[in-house]
């Protein structure tokens, strides 16, 4: 990433995916449909599952005393 920032070099979609900058690659014009598909799948999860996945770094780094403060309201 530093190389790209310092030199202004850009990667095409295949190069970006090979470098680990993206998780999915679609055909041109297919990004919206893929995003909606992924959103629908995520929305089908239990709310607590999505909360835990998104908060995992904070939860893992929390002290035992502060853990209850991370509970979903």
N, C-alpha and C. Protein backbone atom coordinates (compact mmCIF):
# COMPACT_ATOMS: atom_id res chain seq x y z
N UNK A 1 0.82 -1.18 0.00
CA UNK A 1 0.00 0.00 0.00
C UNK A 1 0.87 1.25 0.00
N UNK A 2 1.97 1.23 0.76
CA UNK A 2 2.85 2.39 0.79
C UNK A 2 3.39 2.69 -0.60
N UNK A 3 3.74 1.64 -1.35
CA UNK A 3 4.23 1.83 -2.71
C UNK A 3 3.19 2.56 -3.55
N UNK A 4 1.94 2.14 -3.45
CA UNK A 4 0.89 2.77 -4.23
C UNK A 4 0.68 4.22 -3.81
N UNK A 5 0.75 4.49 -2.52
CA UNK A 5 0.54 5.85 -2.03
C UNK A 5 1.69 6.77 -2.43
N UNK A 6 2.91 6.26 -2.39
CA UNK A 6 4.07 7.09 -2.68
C UNK A 6 4.29 7.29 -4.18
N UNK A 7 3.93 6.29 -4.97
CA UNK A 7 4.19 6.39 -6.41
C UNK A 7 2.96 6.72 -7.24
N UNK A 8 1.78 6.61 -6.65
CA UNK A 8 0.55 6.85 -7.41
C UNK A 8 0.18 5.70 -8.31
N UNK A 9 0.87 4.58 -8.15
CA UNK A 9 0.59 3.39 -8.96
C UNK A 9 -0.80 2.88 -8.64
N UNK A 10 -1.55 2.48 -9.63
CA UNK A 10 -2.89 1.94 -9.45
C UNK A 10 -2.91 0.48 -9.88
N UNK A 11 -3.75 -0.29 -9.24
CA UNK A 11 -3.92 -1.69 -9.60
C UNK A 11 -5.25 -1.88 -10.29
N UNK A 12 -5.29 -2.79 -11.26
CA UNK A 12 -6.59 -3.11 -11.84
C UNK A 12 -7.27 -4.11 -10.90
N UNK A 13 -8.48 -4.51 -11.22
CA UNK A 13 -9.26 -5.36 -10.33
C UNK A 13 -8.57 -6.69 -10.03
N UNK A 14 -8.00 -7.33 -11.03
CA UNK A 14 -7.33 -8.61 -10.81
C UNK A 14 -6.09 -8.45 -9.93
N UNK A 15 -5.32 -7.40 -10.18
CA UNK A 15 -4.11 -7.16 -9.37
C UNK A 15 -4.49 -6.83 -7.92
N UNK A 16 -5.54 -6.05 -7.74
CA UNK A 16 -6.00 -5.71 -6.40
C UNK A 16 -6.46 -6.93 -5.63
N UNK A 17 -7.17 -7.80 -6.30
CA UNK A 17 -7.64 -9.02 -5.64
C UNK A 17 -6.45 -9.93 -5.31
N UNK A 18 -5.50 -10.05 -6.23
CA UNK A 18 -4.31 -10.87 -5.98
C UNK A 18 -3.50 -10.33 -4.81
N UNK A 19 -3.54 -9.02 -4.61
CA UNK A 19 -2.81 -8.39 -3.52
C UNK A 19 -3.59 -8.44 -2.21
N UNK A 20 -4.79 -8.98 -2.24
CA UNK A 20 -5.59 -9.10 -1.03
C UNK A 20 -6.36 -7.85 -0.65
N UNK A 21 -6.57 -6.95 -1.62
CA UNK A 21 -7.28 -5.70 -1.33
C UNK A 21 -8.79 -5.83 -1.46
N UNK A 22 -9.25 -6.94 -2.00
CA UNK A 22 -10.68 -7.16 -2.13
C UNK A 22 -10.98 -8.63 -1.88
N UNK A 23 -12.23 -8.91 -1.57
CA UNK A 23 -12.65 -10.29 -1.34
C UNK A 23 -13.42 -10.85 -2.52
N UNK A 24 -14.03 -9.97 -3.31
CA UNK A 24 -14.86 -10.42 -4.42
C UNK A 24 -14.52 -9.63 -5.67
N UNK A 25 -14.70 -10.30 -6.79
CA UNK A 25 -14.53 -9.64 -8.08
C UNK A 25 -15.71 -10.05 -8.94
N UNK A 26 -16.35 -9.08 -9.58
CA UNK A 26 -17.50 -9.36 -10.43
C UNK A 26 -17.21 -8.91 -11.85
N UNK A 27 -18.08 -9.34 -12.71
CA UNK A 27 -18.01 -8.83 -14.08
C UNK A 27 -18.39 -7.35 -14.05
N UNK A 28 -17.98 -6.61 -15.06
CA UNK A 28 -18.32 -5.19 -15.12
C UNK A 28 -19.83 -5.01 -15.03
N UNK A 29 -20.26 -4.12 -14.17
CA UNK A 29 -21.68 -3.87 -13.98
C UNK A 29 -22.34 -4.81 -12.98
N UNK A 30 -21.59 -5.74 -12.41
CA UNK A 30 -22.18 -6.72 -11.50
C UNK A 30 -21.99 -6.42 -10.03
N UNK A 31 -21.34 -5.30 -9.70
CA UNK A 31 -21.03 -5.01 -8.30
C UNK A 31 -22.28 -4.79 -7.47
N UNK A 32 -23.25 -4.06 -8.00
CA UNK A 32 -24.46 -3.77 -7.21
C UNK A 32 -25.21 -5.05 -6.88
N UNK A 33 -25.38 -5.92 -7.85
CA UNK A 33 -26.10 -7.17 -7.62
C UNK A 33 -25.37 -8.03 -6.60
N UNK A 34 -24.05 -8.08 -6.69
CA UNK A 34 -23.25 -8.86 -5.73
C UNK A 34 -23.36 -8.25 -4.34
N UNK A 35 -23.31 -6.93 -4.24
CA UNK A 35 -23.42 -6.26 -2.94
C UNK A 35 -24.78 -6.54 -2.31
N UNK A 36 -25.84 -6.48 -3.10
CA UNK A 36 -27.17 -6.77 -2.57
C UNK A 36 -27.30 -8.22 -2.12
N UNK A 37 -26.70 -9.13 -2.86
CA UNK A 37 -26.70 -10.54 -2.48
C UNK A 37 -26.00 -10.73 -1.13
N UNK A 38 -24.84 -10.11 -0.98
CA UNK A 38 -24.10 -10.23 0.28
C UNK A 38 -24.85 -9.57 1.44
N UNK A 39 -25.47 -8.42 1.18
CA UNK A 39 -26.25 -7.75 2.22
C UNK A 39 -27.43 -8.60 2.66
N UNK A 40 -28.08 -9.23 1.71
CA UNK A 40 -29.21 -10.09 2.04
C UNK A 40 -28.77 -11.28 2.89
N UNK A 41 -27.65 -11.87 2.54
CA UNK A 41 -27.13 -12.99 3.33
C UNK A 41 -26.77 -12.54 4.74
N UNK A 42 -26.15 -11.37 4.86
CA UNK A 42 -25.78 -10.85 6.18
C UNK A 42 -27.03 -10.53 7.01
N UNK A 43 -28.03 -9.97 6.35
CA UNK A 43 -29.26 -9.61 7.06
C UNK A 43 -29.99 -10.85 7.57
N UNK A 44 -29.72 -11.99 6.98
CA UNK A 44 -30.35 -13.24 7.43
C UNK A 44 -29.71 -13.83 8.68
N UNK A 45 -28.58 -13.29 9.09
CA UNK A 45 -27.92 -13.77 10.31
C UNK A 45 -28.68 -13.28 11.53
N UNK A 46 -28.48 -13.97 12.64
CA UNK A 46 -29.02 -13.49 13.91
C UNK A 46 -28.35 -12.15 14.23
N UNK A 47 -29.11 -11.16 14.71
CA UNK A 47 -28.51 -9.86 15.02
C UNK A 47 -27.31 -9.95 15.95
N UNK A 48 -27.35 -10.81 16.93
CA UNK A 48 -26.23 -10.93 17.86
C UNK A 48 -24.98 -11.46 17.16
N UNK A 49 -25.16 -12.30 16.16
CA UNK A 49 -24.02 -12.81 15.39
C UNK A 49 -23.33 -11.67 14.66
N UNK A 50 -24.09 -10.84 13.96
CA UNK A 50 -23.49 -9.71 13.24
C UNK A 50 -22.82 -8.75 14.21
N UNK A 51 -23.45 -8.48 15.34
CA UNK A 51 -22.85 -7.61 16.34
C UNK A 51 -21.51 -8.17 16.81
N UNK A 52 -21.47 -9.45 17.14
CA UNK A 52 -20.24 -10.06 17.65
C UNK A 52 -19.13 -10.05 16.61
N UNK A 53 -19.47 -10.33 15.37
CA UNK A 53 -18.47 -10.33 14.30
C UNK A 53 -17.88 -8.94 14.13
N UNK A 54 -18.74 -7.92 14.10
CA UNK A 54 -18.26 -6.56 13.90
C UNK A 54 -17.50 -6.01 15.10
N UNK A 55 -17.82 -6.49 16.28
CA UNK A 55 -17.19 -5.99 17.50
C UNK A 55 -16.07 -6.89 18.00
N UNK A 56 -15.76 -7.97 17.29
CA UNK A 56 -14.76 -8.94 17.76
C UNK A 56 -13.44 -8.31 18.19
N UNK A 57 -12.86 -7.37 17.43
CA UNK A 57 -11.59 -6.78 17.90
C UNK A 57 -11.74 -6.06 19.24
N UNK A 58 -12.83 -5.33 19.42
CA UNK A 58 -13.06 -4.64 20.70
C UNK A 58 -13.31 -5.63 21.83
N UNK A 59 -14.09 -6.67 21.54
CA UNK A 59 -14.41 -7.67 22.56
C UNK A 59 -13.14 -8.41 22.98
N UNK A 60 -12.32 -8.79 22.02
CA UNK A 60 -11.09 -9.54 22.33
C UNK A 60 -10.13 -8.71 23.17
N UNK A 61 -10.11 -7.41 22.96
CA UNK A 61 -9.19 -6.55 23.69
C UNK A 61 -9.74 -6.00 24.99
N UNK A 62 -10.98 -6.32 25.31
CA UNK A 62 -11.61 -5.76 26.50
C UNK A 62 -11.14 -6.46 27.76
N UNK A 63 -11.07 -5.71 28.83
CA UNK A 63 -10.76 -6.31 30.13
C UNK A 63 -12.00 -7.03 30.63
N UNK A 64 -11.83 -8.01 31.50
CA UNK A 64 -13.01 -8.71 32.05
C UNK A 64 -13.98 -7.74 32.73
N UNK A 65 -13.46 -6.71 33.36
CA UNK A 65 -14.33 -5.75 34.05
C UNK A 65 -15.11 -4.89 33.05
N UNK A 66 -14.53 -4.61 31.91
CA UNK A 66 -15.18 -3.75 30.92
C UNK A 66 -16.03 -4.51 29.93
N UNK A 67 -15.94 -5.81 29.88
CA UNK A 67 -16.68 -6.62 28.93
C UNK A 67 -18.16 -6.37 28.90
N UNK A 68 -18.82 -6.30 30.07
CA UNK A 68 -20.28 -6.05 30.06
C UNK A 68 -20.67 -4.72 29.41
N UNK A 69 -19.75 -3.77 29.37
CA UNK A 69 -20.06 -2.49 28.76
C UNK A 69 -20.20 -2.58 27.24
N UNK A 70 -19.73 -3.68 26.65
CA UNK A 70 -19.81 -3.87 25.21
C UNK A 70 -21.10 -4.54 24.76
N UNK A 71 -21.95 -4.88 25.71
CA UNK A 71 -23.17 -5.60 25.40
C UNK A 71 -24.05 -4.77 24.47
N UNK A 72 -24.74 -5.47 23.57
CA UNK A 72 -25.64 -4.79 22.64
C UNK A 72 -26.84 -4.29 23.40
N UNK A 73 -27.28 -3.08 23.06
CA UNK A 73 -28.46 -2.52 23.73
C UNK A 73 -29.70 -2.85 22.98
